[in-house]
C-alpha cells in the first residue's frame, strides 16, 4: 500500500469532484447564488429548461430542499464524497472480483487497454440496462453516454445489497455525476491507473482514503490546533486513523481478554501478538454466549476497529464449531455495532464489514439482501407533522415522548455518543418494530406519506437512541480529541460532563465506562494527559474508585505520526474488585516504528519497562496520577509524614552573585570550560558546566 499515492489521489479527487459536480449543478441552474423553480408536467419535470423523466421529481425536490436547508457548499461536499465512496467501493470490489458480474467497471484486466472492461463486455452482465440501447450508443460514437448508463446501472445493482452507499437511482446524486468520465485526465482513469491493484489488497485502504480525502480541509479549519470549529467541521477536525497495532492491542485486550477469561482452554490467545495476560483471574459478564457478545465503537470512523473485531470474532465462532457460511452474518447482525457523526464514515465502515463478510464466504454478498447492519450515522431531529404523529399514535398509543426525543437529538451531529437516552433500550426497540412493521403497499396514499415521514424522521432517532441505551460487553474506540468548544458544545459539556469537560476524549472515557455491562471492557486510545494533569483529576479518581485499569501502554511522546499528540492506549474493566493492571512504558524508544516492536518484546521477555501495579495505589499520591512505575518505597513515603512537616525548607548552597559567578557558554572561551565530571580531572580549566533553572547551558568558575 503506497500511502503517499493514496493521499495525493484522495486530495486530488476531492477537489476534482467538487469542481465537476458544481459544473453539473450549474447546468441545472443551481449555483451558490440560488436555484431555479422546478416545474412538473404531465409525464416530466423541467428545471432550467431541461426536461427529465417524472421519476426524477422526488430527487430534484430533495436536492433543492437540501440546498435550502444545508447550504450550497455543504450539499456539493456531500455529493462529492458520496461519489468518491462509491468509486472507491467499486474499485476495491473489482480488484477482488467481488462485483456480481465479475467484470471490471473502472479499469481493465488487460494491460494497456484504455477503456474499462464494462464498456466492451457489458453484454455478459446481468446489469439492469437496455443492452440494445448501449450497443446503439456505441455505434454512434457516444461512448461517454453509454459508459455513464453502465456505471449508473452498476450502482443500481449494488443498491440491492448495499443501499447505505448506493441509493436507488433517480437520486439527485445521479444527476450530479460528473461529465467526461472516460477522458484521459478523468478521475476514473486516474483511479484505475495511478492507484494500482496492489493498493487495494486489504480493506484497511478504505480507512486511509477516508482520512486523506479530508486532509486538506482539515488543515484549513485548524486540525487539532486550539481553534473552535463549527458543528459541520467537527468530523473533519477530530478524525484520526488508528494505527493497526494499536487496534490489535485494544481489541485483543478487551474482546480477546473477555474470551480468554471465559474460555481459558482456548487455542486463539497464543497467537495474539499484543495480548497482555492478566496476572490474576478476572471476573466476566454473567450468562455469556458468543452470539450475545456486543461490541461497539461509538466513534467508529471508517470501521478499522470493527473490521479487526470481526476477524477475532470469526476465529472464536470457528473454534466453537459454527459453519463457516453462517459466521459472517451472525457477526454483523449480532455482535458488531457502530456510531459516528460523519455520514461518509458510516458508509465506509458498513462497506468494510460487507467486504470482510465476502472475504470469509464467497457467496456472502449474494445472500446479503436482507442483512441488518448495526452501523448508524447520527442525525439531527427534524420537525414531524402532527398528522403523522397522530397516525402513529393510532397504532402505539401515547406519543408524547417523541417531543423529548426530538429535543434530545437536536444536536446529535455534534454531541454524538456523548448523548445519554432517557429510556431503556427496550423502550426504543418497541417503537422501532412498530414503524418497521408498516407496509406501504397495504395503505392509502395519504397514509403512505405518513409512513414515509415516520421512517425518514422518527425511525433514525429511535435507532440511534436504541444503540446508545444498550449496554455492551466490549466498547473499543479512538475518540475525538478536541477542547476548544463552540458555544453550543461548551454548554452541553458544562451541563452533562462538568467533571470531565477538559476535552472531548475525557468525556468519552467516562461515557465508554458507562456503556459497558458489569465486568465488561472499554478500550481506548487517547492523549496521555489524562493520566497526570490536574484538570483530569476527577476522571482519574472516578476510574480508580469504580473501575480497574486492566492494561495500559504509554507511547513515546512523538510516536503518533498522524498528529503531534502524546498518546496512550488502555483497557478499563467495569469492576473494582480485581485491580492489578499490566503497564508498558515506551518513553525511551523513539519513533513510531519501534513502538509495536518494544511492546511485543515486553510481552515475551522480562524487561525493565513493563510493570504490574495495583490501581488502588494511585490514590496514595496527591492528585492520583497514574504513576504505575512508582516503586513501593515511593508510594509508601506518601503514607508517612510529609517532608515539610519534619524539616524547615531552606535555600542550599548558592553562588550569591549570579552575574559574577555564572556565565552562559556563549560568553566564554570554549577552551577554558571543563567538560569533565570533576574539577580534579580538569584543573587547568577556569569554568565548569552546571544546570540552573533560569540559566540553561551555564558554567561556573573553579577555585
Foldseek 3Di string as FASTA:
>chain_A
DPLVLLLVLLQVLLVVQLVQLQVLCVVQVDHQVHAFDWADDPQWIHGPRDTDGPLLVVQVVVLRVCCVVPNDSVSSNVLSLLVVLVLVLLLLCQLVLQQPLSARLLDDPDPPDQHGRCLVCVVSGPFPDDVVVLVVCVVVVNSQVSSLRVVLSSLQVCCLQQVLRRPHPSHCSSSSDGGPCSDCPHSSNCCDPSCDSVCSPALCSLQSSLLSNLVVVLVVQPAQDQDADDLVCQVNNFDDDDDLLLLLLQCCAFVVQLVCLVPVVDPPNVPRLQYFHFPDRADADPPDDLLQAAEEAQAQFLQSSVLVNLVVSLVVVVSVPDDQLPSLLSCFQRHYAYEHLDSSRLSNNVSNSQVSNCVSPVCSSVPNSPRDGRYAHQDQADDADPVLVVVLCVPVPDDPCQVVLNVQRNSCSRCGLLGADPDALVVLVVSLVSLVPDDLVPDDPVNSVSSVRCVVHVNSSSSSNNLSRAAHLEYEYADGWHQNHDPVVVVVCCVRVVLQNRTPVSSVVVSQLVRHDAQGKYKYKDFLPLQDDLSNLVSLVCLLVFKAWAEKEFAAQCLRPRDNGGMMITMITRGNPDHKHKYFYHNVPDYNVCVSVVSSCVSPDPDPRIAIAGQNLQVLDPSSHPPRNDDPVRSVVSVDDDPVVPDPDDDDDDPPPCVVFKDAPVVDDVVQEDDDPDCVVPVVHFWYFDDDPVHHRMIGGDD
